[in-house]
Amino acid sequence: MCATCGRPISARELYYRFTLVLQGEQDVLDASGGDDAGGLDALLQQLEQGPEDAREWEEQVHWERSGVICPACRDLVRRTLTLPEGDTGPH
């Protein structure tokens, strides 16, 4: 069964296996090495206001799924995840 559209995929039909891993990254401390107590206080406050469930924190940092998709969904996924030529993304 296609993980995207839910359509059954027959044994003789072409399908694609996928693994998608999203890993969160954030530079939370000043790279200059300065002693910024205000920055640490803000970080601690952000952590205190976050979700109580540890699984929610984990999914914000690491999320992974795998499965199979049909050819039509493969085309959709490729279009969605392919950057336009010359676009280097946010970083």
PDB file of N, CA and C in Angstrom:
ATOM      1  N   MET A   1       0.844  -1.173   0.000  1.00  0.00           N
ATOM      2  CA  MET A   1       0.000   0.000   0.000  1.00  0.00           C
ATOM      3  C   MET A   1       0.895   1.244   0.000  1.00  0.00           C
ATOM      4  N   CYS A   2       0.546   2.219  -0.819  1.00  0.00           N
ATOM      5  CA  CYS A   2       1.327   3.454  -0.909  1.00  0.00           C
ATOM      6  C   CYS A   2       1.193   4.246   0.387  1.00  0.00           C
ATOM      7  N   ALA A   3       2.325   4.637   0.957  1.00  0.00           N
ATOM      8  CA  ALA A   3       2.332   5.373   2.222  1.00  0.00           C
ATOM      9  C   ALA A   3       1.771   6.779   2.083  1.00  0.00           C
ATOM     10  N   THR A   4       1.698   7.299   0.860  1.00  0.00           N
ATOM     11  CA  THR A   4       1.206   8.659   0.659  1.00  0.00           C
ATOM     12  C   THR A   4      -0.279   8.695   0.333  1.00  0.00           C
ATOM     13  N   CYS A   5      -0.691   7.975  -0.709  1.00  0.00           N
ATOM     14  CA  CYS A   5      -2.092   8.049  -1.149  1.00  0.00           C
ATOM     15  C   CYS A   5      -2.945   6.886  -0.634  1.00  0.00           C
ATOM     16  N   GLY A   6      -2.316   5.826  -0.120  1.00  0.00           N
ATOM     17  CA  GLY A   6      -3.054   4.696   0.421  1.00  0.00           C
ATOM     18  C   GLY A   6      -3.523   3.691  -0.617  1.00  0.00           C
ATOM     19  N   ARG A   7      -3.153   3.904  -1.883  1.00  0.00           N
ATOM     20  CA  ARG A   7      -3.572   2.997  -2.945  1.00  0.00           C
ATOM     21  C   ARG A   7      -2.834   1.667  -2.814  1.00  0.00           C
ATOM     22  N   PRO A   8      -3.550   0.554  -2.945  1.00  0.00           N
ATOM     23  CA  PRO A   8      -2.872  -0.753  -2.927  1.00  0.00           C
ATOM     24  C   PRO A   8      -1.919  -0.873  -4.118  1.00  0.00           C
ATOM     25  N   ILE A   9      -0.752  -1.439  -3.888  1.00  0.00           N
ATOM     26  CA  ILE A   9       0.240  -1.647  -4.943  1.00  0.00           C
ATOM     27  C   ILE A   9       0.348  -3.148  -5.160  1.00  0.00           C
ATOM     28  N   SER A  10       0.064  -3.589  -6.402  1.00  0.00           N
ATOM     29  CA  SER A  10       0.102  -5.020  -6.681  1.00  0.00           C
ATOM     30  C   SER A  10       1.544  -5.523  -6.674  1.00  0.00           C
ATOM     31  N   ALA A  11       1.682  -6.839  -6.542  1.00  0.00           N
ATOM     32  CA  ALA A  11       3.017  -7.455  -6.466  1.00  0.00           C
ATOM     33  C   ALA A  11       3.824  -7.243  -7.744  1.00  0.00           C
ATOM     34  N   ARG A  12       3.179  -7.062  -8.875  1.00  0.00           N
ATOM     35  CA  ARG A  12       3.884  -6.904 -10.148  1.00  0.00           C
ATOM     36  C   ARG A  12       4.064  -5.444 -10.546  1.00  0.00           C
ATOM     37  N   GLU A  13       3.556  -4.540  -9.749  1.00  0.00           N
ATOM     38  CA  GLU A  13       3.609  -3.116 -10.068  1.00  0.00           C
ATOM     39  C   GLU A  13       4.904  -2.493  -9.537  1.00  0.00           C
ATOM     40  N   LEU A  14       5.389  -1.497 -10.271  1.00  0.00           N
ATOM     41  CA  LEU A  14       6.574  -0.758  -9.844  1.00  0.00           C
ATOM     42  C   LEU A  14       6.248   0.064  -8.600  1.00  0.00           C
ATOM     43  N   TYR A  15       7.146   0.044  -7.623  1.00  0.00           N
ATOM     44  CA  TYR A  15       6.991   0.872  -6.421  1.00  0.00           C
ATOM     45  C   TYR A  15       8.366   1.362  -6.002  1.00  0.00           C
ATOM     46  N   TYR A  16       8.397   2.304  -5.097  1.00  0.00           N
ATOM     47  CA  TYR A  16       9.647   2.910  -4.634  1.00  0.00           C
ATOM     48  C   TYR A  16       9.712   2.846  -3.115  1.00  0.00           C
ATOM     49  N   ARG A  17      10.849   2.400  -2.619  1.00  0.00           N
ATOM     50  CA  ARG A  17      11.100   2.419  -1.173  1.00  0.00           C
ATOM     51  C   ARG A  17      11.686   3.776  -0.809  1.00  0.00           C
ATOM     52  N   PHE A  18      11.314   4.289   0.359  1.00  0.00           N
ATOM     53  CA  PHE A  18      11.862   5.570   0.802  1.00  0.00           C
ATOM     54  C   PHE A  18      12.188   5.519   2.287  1.00  0.00           C
ATOM     55  N   THR A  19      13.122   6.362   2.649  1.00  0.00           N
ATOM     56  CA  THR A  19      13.437   6.644   4.048  1.00  0.00           C
ATOM     57  C   THR A  19      13.605   8.145   4.154  1.00  0.00           C
ATOM     58  N   LEU A  20      12.876   8.748   5.044  1.00  0.00           N
ATOM     59  CA  LEU A  20      12.942  10.199   5.241  1.00  0.00           C
ATOM     60  C   LEU A  20      13.367  10.470   6.670  1.00  0.00           C
ATOM     61  N   VAL A  21      14.434  11.231   6.816  1.00  0.00           N
ATOM     62  CA  VAL A  21      14.950  11.580   8.132  1.00  0.00           C
ATOM     63  C   VAL A  21      15.000  13.095   8.225  1.00  0.00           C
ATOM     64  N   LEU A  22      14.343  13.650   9.232  1.00  0.00           N
ATOM     65  CA  LEU A  22      14.408  15.083   9.506  1.00  0.00           C
ATOM     66  C   LEU A  22      15.153  15.264  10.821  1.00  0.00           C
ATOM     67  N   GLN A  23      16.242  16.022  10.773  1.00  0.00           N
ATOM     68  CA  GLN A  23      17.034  16.260  11.973  1.00  0.00           C
ATOM     69  C   GLN A  23      17.091  17.762  12.225  1.00  0.00           C
ATOM     70  N   GLY A  24      16.595  18.170  13.388  1.00  0.00           N
ATOM     71  CA  GLY A  24      16.575  19.582  13.743  1.00  0.00           C
ATOM     72  C   GLY A  24      17.946  20.050  14.189  1.00  0.00           C
ATOM     73  N   GLU A  25      18.275  21.262  13.779  1.00  0.00           N
ATOM     74  CA  GLU A  25      19.532  21.880  14.202  1.00  0.00           C
ATOM     75  C   GLU A  25      19.267  23.340  14.517  1.00  0.00           C
ATOM     76  N   GLN A  26      19.945  23.834  15.510  1.00  0.00           N
ATOM     77  CA  GLN A  26      19.821  25.244  15.862  1.00  0.00           C
ATOM     78  C   GLN A  26      21.079  25.647  16.610  1.00  0.00           C
ATOM     79  N   ASP A  27      21.664  26.753  16.203  1.00  0.00           N
ATOM     80  CA  ASP A  27      22.811  27.291  16.920  1.00  0.00           C
ATOM     81  C   ASP A  27      22.263  28.135  18.063  1.00  0.00           C
ATOM     82  N   VAL A  28      22.293  27.569  19.270  1.00  0.00           N
ATOM     83  CA  VAL A  28      21.654  28.244  20.400  1.00  0.00           C
ATOM     84  C   VAL A  28      22.617  29.069  21.235  1.00  0.00           C
ATOM     85  N   LEU A  29      23.895  28.837  21.100  1.00  0.00           N
ATOM     86  CA  LEU A  29      24.868  29.600  21.874  1.00  0.00           C
ATOM     87  C   LEU A  29      25.692  30.483  20.949  1.00  0.00           C
ATOM     88  N   ASP A  30      26.097  31.611  21.446  1.00  0.00           N
ATOM     89  CA  ASP A  30      26.885  32.560  20.669  1.00  0.00           C
ATOM     90  C   ASP A  30      28.248  31.953  20.354  1.00  0.00           C
ATOM     91  N   ALA A  31      28.587  31.893  19.078  1.00  0.00           N
ATOM     92  CA  ALA A  31      29.851  31.292  18.644  1.00  0.00           C
ATOM     93  C   ALA A  31      31.056  32.154  18.995  1.00  0.00           C
ATOM     94  N   SER A  32      30.847  33.409  19.373  1.00  0.00           N
ATOM     95  CA  SER A  32      31.968  34.293  19.671  1.00  0.00           C
ATOM     96  C   SER A  32      32.637  33.949  20.992  1.00  0.00           C
ATOM     97  N   GLY A  33      31.974  33.130  21.802  1.00  0.00           N
ATOM     98  CA  GLY A  33      32.561  32.714  23.069  1.00  0.00           C
ATOM     99  C   GLY A  33      32.304  33.684  24.203  1.00  0.00           C
ATOM    100  N   GLY A  34      31.499  34.705  23.951  1.00  0.00           N
ATOM    101  CA  GLY A  34      31.186  35.681  24.993  1.00  0.00           C
ATOM    102  C   GLY A  34      30.337  35.071  26.091  1.00  0.00           C
ATOM    103  N   ASP A  35      30.409  35.652  27.292  1.00  0.00           N
ATOM    104  CA  ASP A  35      29.633  35.165  28.422  1.00  0.00           C
ATOM    105  C   ASP A  35      28.292  35.871  28.402  1.00  0.00           C
ATOM    106  N   ASP A  36      27.299  35.253  27.828  1.00  0.00           N
ATOM    107  CA  ASP A  36      25.992  35.866  27.653  1.00  0.00           C
ATOM    108  C   ASP A  36      24.989  35.157  28.548  1.00  0.00           C
ATOM    109  N   ALA A  37      24.902  35.611  29.805  1.00  0.00           N
ATOM    110  CA  ALA A  37      23.980  34.989  30.762  1.00  0.00           C
ATOM    111  C   ALA A  37      22.541  35.171  30.312  1.00  0.00           C
ATOM    112  N   GLY A  38      22.229  36.285  29.663  1.00  0.00           N
ATOM    113  CA  GLY A  38      20.872  36.521  29.165  1.00  0.00           C
ATOM    114  C   GLY A  38      20.475  35.492  28.125  1.00  0.00           C
ATOM    115  N   GLY A  39      21.402  35.111  27.264  1.00  0.00           N
ATOM    116  CA  GLY A  39      21.131  34.104  26.248  1.00  0.00           C
ATOM    117  C   GLY A  39      20.842  32.752  26.863  1.00  0.00           C
ATOM    118  N   LEU A  40      21.591  32.403  27.895  1.00  0.00           N
ATOM    119  CA  LEU A  40      21.361  31.128  28.584  1.00  0.00           C
ATOM    120  C   LEU A  40      20.032  31.150  29.330  1.00  0.00           C
ATOM    121  N   ASP A  41      19.709  32.295  29.945  1.00  0.00           N
ATOM    122  CA  ASP A  41      18.419  32.410  30.626  1.00  0.00           C
ATOM    123  C   ASP A  41      17.264  32.244  29.645  1.00  0.00           C
ATOM    124  N   ALA A  42      17.397  32.843  28.456  1.00  0.00           N
ATOM    125  CA  ALA A  42      16.346  32.724  27.438  1.00  0.00           C
ATOM    126  C   ALA A  42      16.209  31.277  26.980  1.00  0.00           C
ATOM    127  N   LEU A  43      17.347  30.589  26.835  1.00  0.00           N
ATOM    128  CA  LEU A  43      17.317  29.188  26.436  1.00  0.00           C
ATOM    129  C   LEU A  43      16.635  28.335  27.504  1.00  0.00           C
ATOM    130  N   LEU A  44      16.962  28.550  28.753  1.00  0.00           N
ATOM    131  CA  LEU A  44      16.329  27.791  29.845  1.00  0.00           C
ATOM    132  C   LEU A  44      14.828  28.061  29.901  1.00  0.00           C
ATOM    133  N   GLN A  45      14.423  29.313  29.675  1.00  0.00           N
ATOM    134  CA  GLN A  45      13.003  29.645  29.671  1.00  0.00           C
ATOM    135  C   GLN A  45      12.291  28.933  28.514  1.00  0.00           C
ATOM    136  N   GLN A  46      12.925  28.890  27.350  1.00  0.00           N
ATOM    137  CA  GLN A  46      12.356  28.196  26.197  1.00  0.00           C
ATOM    138  C   GLN A  46      12.179  26.712  26.509  1.00  0.00           C
ATOM    139  N   LEU A  47      13.151  26.103  27.158  1.00  0.00           N
ATOM    140  CA  LEU A  47      13.055  24.693  27.516  1.00  0.00           C
ATOM    141  C   LEU A  47      11.937  24.441  28.529  1.00  0.00           C
ATOM    142  N   GLU A  48      11.785  25.356  29.483  1.00  0.00           N
ATOM    143  CA  GLU A  48      10.745  25.204  30.490  1.00  0.00           C
ATOM    144  C   GLU A  48       9.352  25.342  29.888  1.00  0.00           C
ATOM    145  N   GLN A  49       9.199  26.150  28.847  1.00  0.00           N
ATOM    146  CA  GLN A  49       7.893  26.371  28.230  1.00  0.00           C
ATOM    147  C   GLN A  49       7.576  25.340  27.157  1.00  0.00           C
ATOM    148  N   GLY A  50       8.517  24.474  26.876  1.00  0.00           N
ATOM    149  CA  GLY A  50       8.325  23.455  25.842  1.00  0.00           C
ATOM    150  C   GLY A  50       7.402  22.347  26.306  1.00  0.00           C
ATOM    151  N   PRO A  51       7.209  21.357  25.451  1.00  0.00           N
ATOM    152  CA  PRO A  51       6.318  20.242  25.798  1.00  0.00           C
ATOM    153  C   PRO A  51       6.858  19.431  26.976  1.00  0.00           C
ATOM    154  N   GLU A  52       5.933  18.879  27.752  1.00  0.00           N
ATOM    155  CA  GLU A  52       6.328  18.062  28.902  1.00  0.00           C
ATOM    156  C   GLU A  52       6.707  16.652  28.485  1.00  0.00           C
ATOM    157  N   ASP A  53       6.123  16.174  27.413  1.00  0.00           N
ATOM    158  CA  ASP A  53       6.371  14.812  26.945  1.00  0.00           C
ATOM    159  C   ASP A  53       7.716  14.747  26.221  1.00  0.00           C
ATOM    160  N   ALA A  54       8.596  13.890  26.686  1.00  0.00           N
ATOM    161  CA  ALA A  54       9.935  13.763  26.088  1.00  0.00           C
ATOM    162  C   ALA A  54       9.871  13.333  24.634  1.00  0.00           C
ATOM    163  N   ARG A  55       8.842  12.555  24.257  1.00  0.00           N
ATOM    164  CA  ARG A  55       8.719  12.133  22.852  1.00  0.00           C
ATOM    165  C   ARG A  55       8.489  13.326  21.925  1.00  0.00           C
ATOM    166  N   GLU A  56       7.754  14.338  22.405  1.00  0.00           N
ATOM    167  CA  GLU A  56       7.534  15.535  21.596  1.00  0.00           C
ATOM    168  C   GLU A  56       8.852  16.274  21.368  1.00  0.00           C
ATOM    169  N   TRP A  57       9.687  16.368  22.391  1.00  0.00           N
ATOM    170  CA  TRP A  57      11.008  16.994  22.234  1.00  0.00           C
ATOM    171  C   TRP A  57      11.832  16.207  21.220  1.00  0.00           C
ATOM    172  N   GLU A  58      11.789  14.898  21.350  1.00  0.00           N
ATOM    173  CA  GLU A  58      12.578  14.052  20.456  1.00  0.00           C
ATOM    174  C   GLU A  58      12.142  14.233  19.000  1.00  0.00           C
ATOM    175  N   GLU A  59      10.825  14.284  18.761  1.00  0.00           N
ATOM    176  CA  GLU A  59      10.346  14.435  17.391  1.00  0.00           C
ATOM    177  C   GLU A  59      10.677  15.812  16.816  1.00  0.00           C
ATOM    178  N   GLN A  60      10.894  16.802  17.664  1.00  0.00           N
ATOM    179  CA  GLN A  60      11.315  18.107  17.165  1.00  0.00           C
ATOM    180  C   GLN A  60      12.765  18.069  16.696  1.00  0.00           C
ATOM    181  N   VAL A  61      13.532  17.123  17.215  1.00  0.00           N
ATOM    182  CA  VAL A  61      14.950  17.023  16.876  1.00  0.00           C
ATOM    183  C   VAL A  61      15.212  15.927  15.844  1.00  0.00           C
ATOM    184  N   HIS A  62      14.505  14.816  15.952  1.00  0.00           N
ATOM    185  CA  HIS A  62      14.740  13.697  15.035  1.00  0.00           C
ATOM    186  C   HIS A  62      13.425  13.010  14.722  1.00  0.00           C
ATOM    187  N   TRP A  63      13.076  12.952  13.425  1.00  0.00           N
ATOM    188  CA  TRP A  63      11.860  12.295  12.962  1.00  0.00           C
ATOM    189  C   TRP A  63      12.237  11.445  11.773  1.00  0.00           C
ATOM    190  N   GLU A  64      11.823  10.196  11.779  1.00  0.00           N
ATOM    191  CA  GLU A  64      12.235   9.267  10.720  1.00  0.00           C
ATOM    192  C   GLU A  64      11.058   8.379  10.322  1.00  0.00           C
ATOM    193  N   ARG A  65      10.874   8.242   9.013  1.00  0.00           N
ATOM    194  CA  ARG A  65       9.840   7.358   8.494  1.00  0.00           C
ATOM    195  C   ARG A  65      10.384   6.641   7.266  1.00  0.00           C
ATOM    196  N   SER A  66       9.847   5.442   6.997  1.00  0.00           N
ATOM    197  CA  SER A  66      10.209   4.711   5.787  1.00  0.00           C
ATOM    198  C   SER A  66       8.979   3.965   5.312  1.00  0.00           C
ATOM    199  N   GLY A  67       9.008   3.553   4.048  1.00  0.00           N
ATOM    200  CA  GLY A  67       7.882   2.828   3.493  1.00  0.00           C
ATOM    201  C   GLY A  67       8.022   2.696   1.990  1.00  0.00           C
ATOM    202  N   VAL A  68       6.899   2.492   1.328  1.00  0.00           N
ATOM    203  CA  VAL A  68       6.875   2.387  -0.130  1.00  0.00           C
ATOM    204  C   VAL A  68       5.838   3.365  -0.672  1.00  0.00           C
ATOM    205  N   ILE A  69       6.099   3.858  -1.881  1.00  0.00           N
ATOM    206  CA  ILE A  69       5.169   4.757  -2.550  1.00  0.00           C
ATOM    207  C   ILE A  69       5.016   4.343  -4.016  1.00  0.00           C
ATOM    208  N   CYS A  70       3.902   4.736  -4.603  1.00  0.00           N
ATOM    209  CA  CYS A  70       3.615   4.429  -6.008  1.00  0.00           C
ATOM    210  C   CYS A  70       4.327   5.447  -6.908  1.00  0.00           C
ATOM    211  N   PRO A  71       4.415   5.178  -8.211  1.00  0.00           N
ATOM    212  CA  PRO A  71       5.097   6.100  -9.128  1.00  0.00           C
ATOM    213  C   PRO A  71       4.517   7.522  -9.130  1.00  0.00           C
ATOM    214  N   ALA A  72       3.200   7.655  -9.051  1.00  0.00           N
ATOM    215  CA  ALA A  72       2.594   8.990  -9.056  1.00  0.00           C
ATOM    216  C   ALA A  72       3.019   9.787  -7.824  1.00  0.00           C
ATOM    217  N   CYS A  73       3.030   9.146  -6.679  1.00  0.00           N
ATOM    218  CA  CYS A  73       3.438   9.832  -5.453  1.00  0.00           C
ATOM    219  C   CYS A  73       4.936  10.119  -5.459  1.00  0.00           C
ATOM    220  N   ARG A  74       5.721   9.261  -6.084  1.00  0.00           N
ATOM    221  CA  ARG A  74       7.152   9.519  -6.213  1.00  0.00           C
ATOM    222  C   ARG A  74       7.376  10.827  -6.966  1.00  0.00           C
ATOM    223  N   ASP A  75       6.657  11.022  -8.060  1.00  0.00           N
ATOM    224  CA  ASP A  75       6.797  12.263  -8.832  1.00  0.00           C
ATOM    225  C   ASP A  75       6.421  13.476  -7.990  1.00  0.00           C
ATOM    226  N   LEU A  76       5.355  13.359  -7.219  1.00  0.00           N
ATOM    227  CA  LEU A  76       4.920  14.455  -6.356  1.00  0.00           C
ATOM    228  C   LEU A  76       5.980  14.769  -5.295  1.00  0.00           C
ATOM    229  N   VAL A  77       6.513  13.742  -4.665  1.00  0.00           N
ATOM    230  CA  VAL A  77       7.536  13.935  -3.634  1.00  0.00           C
ATOM    231  C   VAL A  77       8.784  14.580  -4.226  1.00  0.00           C
ATOM    232  N   ARG A  78       9.214  14.119  -5.385  1.00  0.00           N
ATOM    233  CA  ARG A  78      10.401  14.698  -6.026  1.00  0.00           C
ATOM    234  C   ARG A  78      10.188  16.167  -6.361  1.00  0.00           C
ATOM    235  N   ARG A  79       9.019  16.514  -6.885  1.00  0.00           N
ATOM    236  CA  ARG A  79       8.743  17.923  -7.202  1.00  0.00           C
ATOM    237  C   ARG A  79       8.733  18.766  -5.935  1.00  0.00           C
ATOM    238  N   THR A  80       8.168  18.224  -4.886  1.00  0.00           N
ATOM    239  CA  THR A  80       8.060  18.960  -3.627  1.00  0.00           C
ATOM    240  C   THR A  80       9.430  19.199  -2.991  1.00  0.00           C
ATOM    241  N   LEU A  81      10.314  18.217  -3.058  1.00  0.00           N
ATOM    242  CA  LEU A  81      11.595  18.305  -2.360  1.00  0.00           C
ATOM    243  C   LEU A  81      12.757  18.781  -3.227  1.00  0.00           C
ATOM    244  N   THR A  82      12.530  19.055  -4.501  1.00  0.00           N
ATOM    245  CA  THR A  82      13.597  19.511  -5.377  1.00  0.00           C
ATOM    246  C   THR A  82      13.615  21.035  -5.418  1.00  0.00           C
ATOM    247  N   LEU A  83      14.765  21.619  -5.076  1.00  0.00           N
ATOM    248  CA  LEU A  83      14.903  23.073  -5.118  1.00  0.00           C
ATOM    249  C   LEU A  83      15.006  23.556  -6.559  1.00  0.00           C
ATOM    250  N   PRO A  84      14.461  24.730  -6.840  1.00  0.00           N
ATOM    251  CA  PRO A  84      14.650  25.300  -8.170  1.00  0.00           C
ATOM    252  C   PRO A  84      16.134  25.503  -8.452  1.00  0.00           C
ATOM    253  N   GLU A  85      16.507  25.426  -9.711  1.00  0.00           N
ATOM    254  CA  GLU A  85      17.911  25.579 -10.088  1.00  0.00           C
ATOM    255  C   GLU A  85      18.444  26.928  -9.606  1.00  0.00           C
ATOM    256  N   GLY A  86      19.596  26.894  -8.989  1.00  0.00           N
ATOM    257  CA  GLY A  86      20.219  28.119  -8.468  1.00  0.00           C
ATOM    258  C   GLY A  86      19.820  28.473  -7.054  1.00  0.00           C
ATOM    259  N   ASP A  87      18.809  27.834  -6.509  1.00  0.00           N
ATOM    260  CA  ASP A  87      18.358  28.082  -5.137  1.00  0.00           C
ATOM    261  C   ASP A  87      19.162  27.191  -4.203  1.00  0.00           C
ATOM    262  N   THR A  88      19.854  27.781  -3.254  1.00  0.00           N
ATOM    263  CA  THR A  88      20.678  26.998  -2.331  1.00  0.00           C
ATOM    264  C   THR A  88      19.958  26.724  -1.014  1.00  0.00           C
ATOM    265  N   GLY A  89      18.726  27.146  -0.881  1.00  0.00           N
ATOM    266  CA  GLY A  89      17.994  26.892   0.339  1.00  0.00           C
ATOM    267  C   GLY A  89      18.230  27.971   1.371  1.00  0.00           C
ATOM    268  N   PRO A  90      17.790  27.737   2.618  1.00  0.00           N
ATOM    269  CA  PRO A  90      17.868  28.768   3.651  1.00  0.00           C
ATOM    270  C   PRO A  90      19.266  29.067   4.173  1.00  0.00           C
ATOM    271  N   HIS A  91      20.228  28.163   3.947  1.00  0.00           N
ATOM    272  CA  HIS A  91      21.572  28.387   4.499  1.00  0.00           C
ATOM    273  C   HIS A  91      22.587  28.459   3.411  1.00  0.00           C
TER     274      HIS A  91
END
